[in-house]
All heavy atoms as atom14 arrays in JSON, in Angstrom:
{
  "sequence": "RALSDTEIAEALDAAHIEMFNLRFQRSVGQLADPNRLRSLRHEHARLL",
  "atom14_mask": [
    [1, 1, 1, 1, 1, 1, 1, 1, 1, 1, 1, 0, 0, 0],
    [1, 1, 1, 1, 1, 0, 0, 0, 0, 0, 0, 0, 0, 0],
    [1, 1, 1, 1, 1, 1, 1, 1, 0, 0, 0, 0, 0, 0],
    [1, 1, 1, 1, 1, 1, 0, 0, 0, 0, 0, 0, 0, 0],
    [1, 1, 1, 1, 1, 1, 1, 1, 0, 0, 0, 0, 0, 0],
    [1, 1, 1, 1, 1, 1, 1, 0, 0, 0, 0, 0, 0, 0],
    [1, 1, 1, 1, 1, 1, 1, 1, 1, 0, 0, 0, 0, 0],
    [1, 1, 1, 1, 1, 1, 1, 1, 0, 0, 0, 0, 0, 0],
    [1, 1, 1, 1, 1, 0, 0, 0, 0, 0, 0, 0, 0, 0],
    [1, 1, 1, 1, 1, 1, 1, 1, 1, 0, 0, 0, 0, 0],
    [1, 1, 1, 1, 1, 0, 0, 0, 0, 0, 0, 0, 0, 0],
    [1, 1, 1, 1, 1, 1, 1, 1, 0, 0, 0, 0, 0, 0],
    [1, 1, 1, 1, 1, 1, 1, 1, 0, 0, 0, 0, 0, 0],
    [1, 1, 1, 1, 1, 0, 0, 0, 0, 0, 0, 0, 0, 0],
    [1, 1, 1, 1, 1, 0, 0, 0, 0, 0, 0, 0, 0, 0],
    [1, 1, 1, 1, 1, 1, 1, 1, 1, 1, 0, 0, 0, 0],
    [1, 1, 1, 1, 1, 1, 1, 1, 0, 0, 0, 0, 0, 0],
    [1, 1, 1, 1, 1, 1, 1, 1, 1, 0, 0, 0, 0, 0],
    [1, 1, 1, 1, 1, 1, 1, 1, 0, 0, 0, 0, 0, 0],
    [1, 1, 1, 1, 1, 1, 1, 1, 1, 1, 1, 0, 0, 0],
    [1, 1, 1, 1, 1, 1, 1, 1, 0, 0, 0, 0, 0, 0],
    [1, 1, 1, 1, 1, 1, 1, 1, 0, 0, 0, 0, 0, 0],
    [1, 1, 1, 1, 1, 1, 1, 1, 1, 1, 1, 0, 0, 0],
    [1, 1, 1, 1, 1, 1, 1, 1, 1, 1, 1, 0, 0, 0],
    [1, 1, 1, 1, 1, 1, 1, 1, 1, 0, 0, 0, 0, 0],
    [1, 1, 1, 1, 1, 1, 1, 1, 1, 1, 1, 0, 0, 0],
    [1, 1, 1, 1, 1, 1, 0, 0, 0, 0, 0, 0, 0, 0],
    [1, 1, 1, 1, 1, 1, 1, 0, 0, 0, 0, 0, 0, 0],
    [1, 1, 1, 1, 0, 0, 0, 0, 0, 0, 0, 0, 0, 0],
    [1, 1, 1, 1, 1, 1, 1, 1, 1, 0, 0, 0, 0, 0],
    [1, 1, 1, 1, 1, 1, 1, 1, 0, 0, 0, 0, 0, 0],
    [1, 1, 1, 1, 1, 0, 0, 0, 0, 0, 0, 0, 0, 0],
    [1, 1, 1, 1, 1, 1, 1, 1, 0, 0, 0, 0, 0, 0],
    [1, 1, 1, 1, 1, 1, 1, 0, 0, 0, 0, 0, 0, 0],
    [1, 1, 1, 1, 1, 1, 1, 1, 0, 0, 0, 0, 0, 0],
    [1, 1, 1, 1, 1, 1, 1, 1, 1, 1, 1, 0, 0, 0],
    [1, 1, 1, 1, 1, 1, 1, 1, 0, 0, 0, 0, 0, 0],
    [1, 1, 1, 1, 1, 1, 1, 1, 1, 1, 1, 0, 0, 0],
    [1, 1, 1, 1, 1, 1, 0, 0, 0, 0, 0, 0, 0, 0],
    [1, 1, 1, 1, 1, 1, 1, 1, 0, 0, 0, 0, 0, 0],
    [1, 1, 1, 1, 1, 1, 1, 1, 1, 1, 1, 0, 0, 0],
    [1, 1, 1, 1, 1, 1, 1, 1, 1, 1, 0, 0, 0, 0],
    [1, 1, 1, 1, 1, 1, 1, 1, 1, 0, 0, 0, 0, 0],
    [1, 1, 1, 1, 1, 1, 1, 1, 1, 1, 0, 0, 0, 0],
    [1, 1, 1, 1, 1, 0, 0, 0, 0, 0, 0, 0, 0, 0],
    [1, 1, 1, 1, 1, 1, 1, 1, 1, 1, 1, 0, 0, 0],
    [1, 1, 1, 1, 1, 1, 1, 1, 0, 0, 0, 0, 0, 0],
    [1, 1, 1, 1, 1, 1, 1, 1, 0, 0, 0, 0, 0, 0]
  ],
  "atom14_positions": [
    [[8.72, -13.55, -17.71], [8.7, -13.8, -19.15], [7.28, -13.85, -19.71], [7.07, -13.61, -20.89], [9.44, -15.1, -19.47], [10.94, -14.94, -19.37], [11.69, -16.14, -19.9], [13.11, -15.89, -19.82], [13.9, -16.3, -18.83], [13.4, -17.0, -17.84], [15.18, -16.02, -18.84], [0.0, 0.0, 0.0], [0.0, 0.0, 0.0], [0.0, 0.0, 0.0]],
    [[6.31, -14.13, -18.87], [4.91, -14.17, -19.31], [4.33, -12.76, -19.45], [3.27, -12.59, -20.05], [4.08, -14.98, -18.33], [0.0, 0.0, 0.0], [0.0, 0.0, 0.0], [0.0, 0.0, 0.0], [0.0, 0.0, 0.0], [0.0, 0.0, 0.0], [0.0, 0.0, 0.0], [0.0, 0.0, 0.0], [0.0, 0.0, 0.0], [0.0, 0.0, 0.0]],
    [[5.02, -11.76, -18.93], [4.53, -10.38, -18.98], [4.86, -9.75, -20.33], [5.81, -10.14, -21.0], [5.18, -9.55, -17.88], [4.93, -9.97, -16.43], [5.72, -9.08, -15.49], [3.45, -9.9, -16.1], [0.0, 0.0, 0.0], [0.0, 0.0, 0.0], [0.0, 0.0, 0.0], [0.0, 0.0, 0.0], [0.0, 0.0, 0.0], [0.0, 0.0, 0.0]],
    [[4.09, -8.75, -20.68], [4.38, -7.99, -21.9], [5.47, -6.96, -21.59], [5.83, -6.74, -20.43], [3.12, -7.28, -22.39], [2.76, -6.26, -21.49], [0.0, 0.0, 0.0], [0.0, 0.0, 0.0], [0.0, 0.0, 0.0], [0.0, 0.0, 0.0], [0.0, 0.0, 0.0], [0.0, 0.0, 0.0], [0.0, 0.0, 0.0], [0.0, 0.0, 0.0]],
    [[5.96, -6.31, -22.64], [7.01, -5.3, -22.45], [6.52, -4.13, -21.61], [7.27, -3.61, -20.78], [7.51, -4.8, -23.81], [8.28, -5.87, -24.57], [8.78, -6.82, -23.93], [8.39, -5.74, -25.8], [0.0, 0.0, 0.0], [0.0, 0.0, 0.0], [0.0, 0.0, 0.0], [0.0, 0.0, 0.0], [0.0, 0.0, 0.0], [0.0, 0.0, 0.0]],
    [[5.29, -3.72, -21.82], [4.76, -2.59, -21.03], [4.58, -2.98, -19.57], [4.81, -2.16, -18.68], [3.43, -2.09, -21.61], [2.5, -3.16, -21.68], [3.63, -1.5, -23.0], [0.0, 0.0, 0.0], [0.0, 0.0, 0.0], [0.0, 0.0, 0.0], [0.0, 0.0, 0.0], [0.0, 0.0, 0.0], [0.0, 0.0, 0.0], [0.0, 0.0, 0.0]],
    [[4.17, -4.21, -19.32], [4.02, -4.67, -17.94], [5.38, -4.75, -17.24], [5.48, -4.43, -16.05], [3.33, -6.02, -17.9], [1.87, -5.97, -18.29], [1.23, -7.34, -18.44], [1.94, -8.31, -18.79], [0.01, -7.44, -18.19], [0.0, 0.0, 0.0], [0.0, 0.0, 0.0], [0.0, 0.0, 0.0], [0.0, 0.0, 0.0], [0.0, 0.0, 0.0]],
    [[6.42, -5.14, -17.97], [7.76, -5.17, -17.4], [8.21, -3.75, -17.08], [8.79, -3.5, -16.01], [8.75, -5.88, -18.34], [8.44, -7.38, -18.36], [10.18, -5.64, -17.91], [9.29, -8.19, -19.31], [0.0, 0.0, 0.0], [0.0, 0.0, 0.0], [0.0, 0.0, 0.0], [0.0, 0.0, 0.0], [0.0, 0.0, 0.0], [0.0, 0.0, 0.0]],
    [[7.94, -2.81, -17.97], [8.3, -1.41, -17.73], [7.57, -0.87, -16.5], [8.18, -0.16, -15.67], [7.99, -0.56, -18.95], [0.0, 0.0, 0.0], [0.0, 0.0, 0.0], [0.0, 0.0, 0.0], [0.0, 0.0, 0.0], [0.0, 0.0, 0.0], [0.0, 0.0, 0.0], [0.0, 0.0, 0.0], [0.0, 0.0, 0.0], [0.0, 0.0, 0.0]],
    [[6.31, -1.21, -16.35], [5.55, -0.77, -15.18], [6.09, -1.4, -13.91], [6.19, -0.74, -12.87], [4.07, -1.12, -15.34], [3.36, -0.32, -16.41], [1.97, -0.84, -16.71], [1.54, -1.83, -16.09], [1.32, -0.25, -17.6], [0.0, 0.0, 0.0], [0.0, 0.0, 0.0], [0.0, 0.0, 0.0], [0.0, 0.0, 0.0], [0.0, 0.0, 0.0]],
    [[6.48, -2.67, -13.97], [7.04, -3.34, -12.81], [8.39, -2.73, -12.43], [8.7, -2.6, -11.24], [7.2, -4.84, -13.09], [0.0, 0.0, 0.0], [0.0, 0.0, 0.0], [0.0, 0.0, 0.0], [0.0, 0.0, 0.0], [0.0, 0.0, 0.0], [0.0, 0.0, 0.0], [0.0, 0.0, 0.0], [0.0, 0.0, 0.0], [0.0, 0.0, 0.0]],
    [[9.18, -2.34, -13.42], [10.45, -1.67, -13.14], [10.22, -0.32, -12.45], [10.93, 0.02, -11.49], [11.25, -1.47, -14.43], [12.04, -2.66, -14.91], [12.54, -2.43, -16.32], [13.19, -2.95, -13.98], [0.0, 0.0, 0.0], [0.0, 0.0, 0.0], [0.0, 0.0, 0.0], [0.0, 0.0, 0.0], [0.0, 0.0, 0.0], [0.0, 0.0, 0.0]],
    [[9.24, 0.44, -12.94], [8.92, 1.71, -12.31], [8.48, 1.52, -10.86], [8.9, 2.24, -9.96], [7.83, 2.45, -13.08], [8.32, 2.96, -14.43], [9.56, 3.09, -14.61], [7.47, 3.22, -15.3], [0.0, 0.0, 0.0], [0.0, 0.0, 0.0], [0.0, 0.0, 0.0], [0.0, 0.0, 0.0], [0.0, 0.0, 0.0], [0.0, 0.0, 0.0]],
    [[7.64, 0.52, -10.64], [7.16, 0.25, -9.28], [8.31, -0.18, -8.38], [8.38, 0.21, -7.2], [6.09, -0.83, -9.32], [0.0, 0.0, 0.0], [0.0, 0.0, 0.0], [0.0, 0.0, 0.0], [0.0, 0.0, 0.0], [0.0, 0.0, 0.0], [0.0, 0.0, 0.0], [0.0, 0.0, 0.0], [0.0, 0.0, 0.0], [0.0, 0.0, 0.0]],
    [[9.24, -0.97, -8.92], [10.39, -1.42, -8.14], [11.28, -0.24, -7.77], [11.79, -0.17, -6.65], [11.17, -2.47, -8.9], [0.0, 0.0, 0.0], [0.0, 0.0, 0.0], [0.0, 0.0, 0.0], [0.0, 0.0, 0.0], [0.0, 0.0, 0.0], [0.0, 0.0, 0.0], [0.0, 0.0, 0.0], [0.0, 0.0, 0.0], [0.0, 0.0, 0.0]],
    [[11.48, 0.69, -8.7], [12.29, 1.88, -8.42], [11.68, 2.68, -7.27], [12.39, 3.1, -6.35], [12.39, 2.78, -9.65], [13.4, 2.34, -10.64], [14.75, 2.5, -10.48], [13.25, 1.73, -11.84], [15.39, 2.03, -11.52], [14.5, 1.54, -12.36], [0.0, 0.0, 0.0], [0.0, 0.0, 0.0], [0.0, 0.0, 0.0], [0.0, 0.0, 0.0]],
    [[10.39, 2.88, -7.33], [9.71, 3.65, -6.29], [9.8, 2.94, -4.94], [10.1, 3.56, -3.92], [8.24, 3.91, -6.69], [8.2, 4.85, -7.9], [7.44, 4.48, -5.53], [6.85, 4.96, -8.56], [0.0, 0.0, 0.0], [0.0, 0.0, 0.0], [0.0, 0.0, 0.0], [0.0, 0.0, 0.0], [0.0, 0.0, 0.0], [0.0, 0.0, 0.0]],
    [[9.55, 1.63, -4.96], [9.59, 0.89, -3.7], [11.0, 0.85, -3.12], [11.2, 0.97, -1.92], [9.05, -0.53, -3.89], [8.89, -1.27, -2.59], [8.25, -2.64, -2.73], [7.83, -2.99, -3.85], [8.19, -3.35, -1.72], [0.0, 0.0, 0.0], [0.0, 0.0, 0.0], [0.0, 0.0, 0.0], [0.0, 0.0, 0.0], [0.0, 0.0, 0.0]],
    [[12.02, 0.69, -3.99], [13.4, 0.7, -3.49], [13.76, 2.05, -2.88], [14.43, 2.1, -1.85], [14.38, 0.35, -4.62], [14.51, -1.11, -4.87], [15.94, -1.58, -5.85], [15.62, -0.76, -7.39], [0.0, 0.0, 0.0], [0.0, 0.0, 0.0], [0.0, 0.0, 0.0], [0.0, 0.0, 0.0], [0.0, 0.0, 0.0], [0.0, 0.0, 0.0]],
    [[13.31, 3.12, -3.5], [13.55, 4.45, -2.93], [12.94, 4.55, -1.54], [13.58, 5.01, -0.59], [12.98, 5.53, -3.85], [13.06, 6.91, -3.24], [14.24, 7.61, -3.24], [11.94, 7.48, -2.66], [14.31, 8.88, -2.67], [11.99, 8.73, -2.09], [13.18, 9.44, -2.09], [0.0, 0.0, 0.0], [0.0, 0.0, 0.0], [0.0, 0.0, 0.0]],
    [[11.68, 4.13, -1.41], [11.0, 4.21, -0.12], [11.69, 3.34, 0.93], [11.84, 3.75, 2.08], [9.54, 3.81, -0.27], [8.74, 4.84, -1.04], [9.08, 6.02, -1.04], [7.7, 4.4, -1.73], [0.0, 0.0, 0.0], [0.0, 0.0, 0.0], [0.0, 0.0, 0.0], [0.0, 0.0, 0.0], [0.0, 0.0, 0.0], [0.0, 0.0, 0.0]],
    [[12.12, 2.14, 0.54], [12.78, 1.26, 1.5], [14.14, 1.81, 1.92], [14.52, 1.73, 3.09], [12.93, -0.14, 0.91], [11.64, -0.94, 0.74], [11.9, -2.25, 0.02], [10.98, -1.19, 2.09], [0.0, 0.0, 0.0], [0.0, 0.0, 0.0], [0.0, 0.0, 0.0], [0.0, 0.0, 0.0], [0.0, 0.0, 0.0], [0.0, 0.0, 0.0]],
    [[14.87, 2.38, 0.97], [16.16, 2.98, 1.34], [15.96, 4.17, 2.27], [16.75, 4.36, 3.21], [16.92, 3.41, 0.08], [17.53, 2.27, -0.68], [18.53, 2.75, -1.73], [17.99, 3.77, -2.61], [17.5, 3.54, -3.84], [17.48, 2.31, -4.32], [17.04, 4.53, -4.57], [0.0, 0.0, 0.0], [0.0, 0.0, 0.0], [0.0, 0.0, 0.0]],
    [[14.93, 4.93, 2.02], [14.63, 6.06, 2.9], [14.27, 5.57, 4.3], [14.75, 6.11, 5.3], [13.49, 6.9, 2.31], [13.22, 8.15, 3.08], [14.05, 9.24, 2.96], [12.13, 8.23, 3.92], [13.8, 10.41, 3.67], [11.87, 9.39, 4.64], [12.72, 10.48, 4.51], [0.0, 0.0, 0.0], [0.0, 0.0, 0.0], [0.0, 0.0, 0.0]],
    [[13.43, 4.54, 4.37], [13.05, 3.98, 5.68], [14.27, 3.44, 6.41], [14.39, 3.59, 7.63], [12.03, 2.87, 5.5], [10.66, 3.35, 5.1], [9.71, 2.21, 4.81], [10.02, 1.04, 5.05], [8.54, 2.53, 4.26], [0.0, 0.0, 0.0], [0.0, 0.0, 0.0], [0.0, 0.0, 0.0], [0.0, 0.0, 0.0], [0.0, 0.0, 0.0]],
    [[15.19, 2.81, 5.66], [16.4, 2.28, 6.28], [17.25, 3.41, 6.86], [17.82, 3.28, 7.95], [17.21, 1.47, 5.28], [18.46, 0.83, 5.9], [19.28, 0.08, 4.89], [19.73, 1.02, 3.85], [20.31, 0.66, 2.74], [20.49, -0.61, 2.46], [20.69, 1.55, 1.85], [0.0, 0.0, 0.0], [0.0, 0.0, 0.0], [0.0, 0.0, 0.0]],
    [[17.35, 4.52, 6.13], [18.2, 5.61, 6.59], [17.67, 6.28, 7.85], [18.47, 6.8, 8.64], [18.39, 6.65, 5.48], [17.18, 7.32, 5.24], [0.0, 0.0, 0.0], [0.0, 0.0, 0.0], [0.0, 0.0, 0.0], [0.0, 0.0, 0.0], [0.0, 0.0, 0.0], [0.0, 0.0, 0.0], [0.0, 0.0, 0.0], [0.0, 0.0, 0.0]],
    [[16.35, 6.28, 8.03], [15.79, 6.89, 9.25], [15.53, 5.85, 10.34], [15.01, 6.18, 11.39], [14.5, 7.69, 8.95], [14.81, 8.86, 8.04], [13.42, 6.83, 8.37], [0.0, 0.0, 0.0], [0.0, 0.0, 0.0], [0.0, 0.0, 0.0], [0.0, 0.0, 0.0], [0.0, 0.0, 0.0], [0.0, 0.0, 0.0], [0.0, 0.0, 0.0]],
    [[15.88, 4.6, 10.07], [15.75, 3.56, 11.09], [14.36, 3.01, 11.25], [14.03, 2.47, 12.31], [0.0, 0.0, 0.0], [0.0, 0.0, 0.0], [0.0, 0.0, 0.0], [0.0, 0.0, 0.0], [0.0, 0.0, 0.0], [0.0, 0.0, 0.0], [0.0, 0.0, 0.0], [0.0, 0.0, 0.0], [0.0, 0.0, 0.0], [0.0, 0.0, 0.0]],
    [[13.52, 3.09, 10.24], [12.15, 2.6, 10.35], [11.87, 1.4, 9.44], [10.71, 1.05, 9.23], [11.17, 3.72, 10.0], [11.19, 4.87, 10.96], [10.22, 5.96, 10.56], [9.63, 5.92, 9.49], [10.04, 6.94, 11.43], [0.0, 0.0, 0.0], [0.0, 0.0, 0.0], [0.0, 0.0, 0.0], [0.0, 0.0, 0.0], [0.0, 0.0, 0.0]],
    [[12.9, 0.78, 8.93], [12.72, -0.34, 8.01], [12.28, -1.58, 8.8], [13.01, -2.08, 9.66], [14.01, -0.62, 7.24], [13.95, -1.67, 6.16], [12.94, -1.29, 5.09], [15.32, -1.83, 5.52], [0.0, 0.0, 0.0], [0.0, 0.0, 0.0], [0.0, 0.0, 0.0], [0.0, 0.0, 0.0], [0.0, 0.0, 0.0], [0.0, 0.0, 0.0]],
    [[11.09, -2.06, 8.51], [10.53, -3.18, 9.26], [11.11, -4.51, 8.79], [11.39, -5.39, 9.59], [9.01, -3.2, 9.1], [0.0, 0.0, 0.0], [0.0, 0.0, 0.0], [0.0, 0.0, 0.0], [0.0, 0.0, 0.0], [0.0, 0.0, 0.0], [0.0, 0.0, 0.0], [0.0, 0.0, 0.0], [0.0, 0.0, 0.0], [0.0, 0.0, 0.0]],
    [[11.3, -4.67, 7.48], [11.78, -5.94, 6.93], [13.01, -5.68, 6.07], [12.88, -5.36, 4.88], [10.68, -6.61, 6.1], [11.07, -7.97, 5.57], [12.08, -8.54, 6.06], [10.37, -8.49, 4.69], [0.0, 0.0, 0.0], [0.0, 0.0, 0.0], [0.0, 0.0, 0.0], [0.0, 0.0, 0.0], [0.0, 0.0, 0.0], [0.0, 0.0, 0.0]],
    [[14.21, -5.81, 6.63], [15.41, -5.53, 5.85], [15.63, -6.5, 4.69], [16.27, -6.17, 3.7], [16.55, -5.64, 6.85], [15.97, -6.13, 8.11], [14.49, -6.14, 8.0], [0.0, 0.0, 0.0], [0.0, 0.0, 0.0], [0.0, 0.0, 0.0], [0.0, 0.0, 0.0], [0.0, 0.0, 0.0], [0.0, 0.0, 0.0], [0.0, 0.0, 0.0]],
    [[15.07, -7.68, 4.77], [15.22, -8.65, 3.69], [14.43, -8.25, 2.45], [14.74, -8.69, 1.34], [14.77, -10.04, 4.15], [15.69, -10.6, 5.19], [16.89, -10.37, 5.16], [15.12, -11.34, 6.13], [0.0, 0.0, 0.0], [0.0, 0.0, 0.0], [0.0, 0.0, 0.0], [0.0, 0.0, 0.0], [0.0, 0.0, 0.0], [0.0, 0.0, 0.0]],
    [[13.42, -7.42, 2.6], [12.62, -6.98, 1.46], [13.45, -6.16, 0.48], [13.3, -6.29, -0.73], [11.41, -6.17, 1.95], [10.56, -5.61, 0.86], [9.86, -6.7, 0.05], [9.15, -6.1, -1.06], [9.12, -6.6, -2.28], [9.72, -7.73, -2.56], [8.48, -5.98, -3.24], [0.0, 0.0, 0.0], [0.0, 0.0, 0.0], [0.0, 0.0, 0.0]],
    [[14.36, -5.35, 1.0], [15.21, -4.55, 0.13], [16.1, -5.44, -0.73], [16.23, -5.22, -1.93], [16.05, -3.59, 0.96], [16.87, -2.56, 0.2], [15.98, -1.7, -0.68], [17.64, -1.68, 1.17], [0.0, 0.0, 0.0], [0.0, 0.0, 0.0], [0.0, 0.0, 0.0], [0.0, 0.0, 0.0], [0.0, 0.0, 0.0], [0.0, 0.0, 0.0]],
    [[16.65, -6.47, -0.15], [17.5, -7.39, -0.9], [16.7, -8.16, -1.95], [17.12, -8.28, -3.1], [18.17, -8.38, 0.06], [19.1, -9.34, -0.63], [19.88, -10.16, 0.37], [20.9, -10.92, -0.33], [21.0, -12.23, -0.28], [20.16, -12.94, 0.44], [21.95, -12.85, -0.93], [0.0, 0.0, 0.0], [0.0, 0.0, 0.0], [0.0, 0.0, 0.0]],
    [[15.54, -8.66, -1.58], [14.73, -9.4, -2.55], [14.23, -8.49, -3.66], [14.11, -8.92, -4.82], [13.55, -10.09, -1.85], [12.66, -9.15, -1.33], [0.0, 0.0, 0.0], [0.0, 0.0, 0.0], [0.0, 0.0, 0.0], [0.0, 0.0, 0.0], [0.0, 0.0, 0.0], [0.0, 0.0, 0.0], [0.0, 0.0, 0.0], [0.0, 0.0, 0.0]],
    [[13.97, -7.24, -3.35], [13.54, -6.29, -4.36], [14.67, -5.98, -5.35], [14.43, -5.85, -6.55], [13.04, -5.0, -3.7], [12.37, -4.0, -4.62], [11.14, -4.61, -5.29], [11.97, -2.77, -3.83], [0.0, 0.0, 0.0], [0.0, 0.0, 0.0], [0.0, 0.0, 0.0], [0.0, 0.0, 0.0], [0.0, 0.0, 0.0], [0.0, 0.0, 0.0]],
    [[15.89, -5.9, -4.86], [17.03, -5.69, -5.76], [17.19, -6.87, -6.71], [17.49, -6.69, -7.9], [18.32, -5.49, -4.96], [18.48, -4.12, -4.39], [19.91, -3.82, -3.96], [20.61, -4.93, -3.35], [20.76, -5.12, -2.03], [20.24, -4.25, -1.18], [21.44, -6.14, -1.57], [0.0, 0.0, 0.0], [0.0, 0.0, 0.0], [0.0, 0.0, 0.0]],
    [[16.99, -8.07, -6.22], [17.07, -9.26, -7.07], [15.96, -9.26, -8.12], [16.19, -9.6, -9.28], [16.98, -10.53, -6.22], [18.23, -10.81, -5.45], [19.09, -11.82, -5.8], [18.76, -10.22, -4.37], [20.11, -11.83, -4.95], [19.93, -10.86, -4.07], [0.0, 0.0, 0.0], [0.0, 0.0, 0.0], [0.0, 0.0, 0.0], [0.0, 0.0, 0.0]],
    [[14.76, -8.91, -7.71], [13.64, -8.85, -8.64], [13.89, -7.78, -9.72], [13.63, -8.01, -10.9], [12.35, -8.53, -7.9], [11.13, -8.49, -8.78], [9.86, -8.22, -8.0], [9.78, -8.61, -6.82], [8.96, -7.6, -8.58], [0.0, 0.0, 0.0], [0.0, 0.0, 0.0], [0.0, 0.0, 0.0], [0.0, 0.0, 0.0], [0.0, 0.0, 0.0]],
    [[14.43, -6.65, -9.31], [14.75, -5.58, -10.24], [15.78, -6.08, -11.27], [15.64, -5.82, -12.47], [15.29, -4.38, -9.46], [15.61, -3.2, -10.3], [16.9, -2.89, -10.65], [14.83, -2.26, -10.86], [16.89, -1.81, -11.4], [15.64, -1.41, -11.54], [0.0, 0.0, 0.0], [0.0, 0.0, 0.0], [0.0, 0.0, 0.0], [0.0, 0.0, 0.0]],
    [[16.79, -6.79, -10.81], [17.8, -7.33, -11.72], [17.19, -8.34, -12.68], [17.55, -8.36, -13.87], [18.92, -7.97, -10.91], [0.0, 0.0, 0.0], [0.0, 0.0, 0.0], [0.0, 0.0, 0.0], [0.0, 0.0, 0.0], [0.0, 0.0, 0.0], [0.0, 0.0, 0.0], [0.0, 0.0, 0.0], [0.0, 0.0, 0.0], [0.0, 0.0, 0.0]],
    [[16.28, -9.17, -12.21], [15.6, -10.12, -13.1], [14.81, -9.4, -14.18], [14.84, -9.79, -15.35], [14.65, -11.01, -12.3], [15.31, -12.14, -11.59], [14.27, -13.09, -10.99], [14.87, -13.75, -9.86], [14.65, -13.44, -8.58], [13.77, -12.52, -8.26], [15.27, -14.09, -7.62], [0.0, 0.0, 0.0], [0.0, 0.0, 0.0], [0.0, 0.0, 0.0]],
    [[14.11, -8.35, -13.79], [13.34, -7.58, -14.77], [14.25, -6.97, -15.83], [13.96, -7.04, -17.03], [12.55, -6.47, -14.06], [11.36, -6.91, -13.23], [10.92, -5.8, -12.28], [10.21, -7.33, -14.11], [0.0, 0.0, 0.0], [0.0, 0.0, 0.0], [0.0, 0.0, 0.0], [0.0, 0.0, 0.0], [0.0, 0.0, 0.0], [0.0, 0.0, 0.0]],
    [[15.36, -6.4, -15.4], [16.3, -5.81, -16.35], [16.91, -6.87, -17.27], [17.09, -6.64, -18.47], [17.4, -5.06, -15.61], [17.0, -3.78, -14.89], [18.16, -3.24, -14.08], [16.51, -2.75, -15.88], [0.0, 0.0, 0.0], [0.0, 0.0, 0.0], [0.0, 0.0, 0.0], [0.0, 0.0, 0.0], [0.0, 0.0, 0.0], [0.0, 0.0, 0.0]]
  ]
}
């Protein structure tokens, strides 16, 4: 809530990119921290 609208938009873009990378890593079996994907989904939902 302390962020501006543009900062929220940038954070959403960054979350989309990171979620894509984590899902890709999971599919090839290289995901180091599976909990990061779940916490990132929660953060994405908070931003939205």
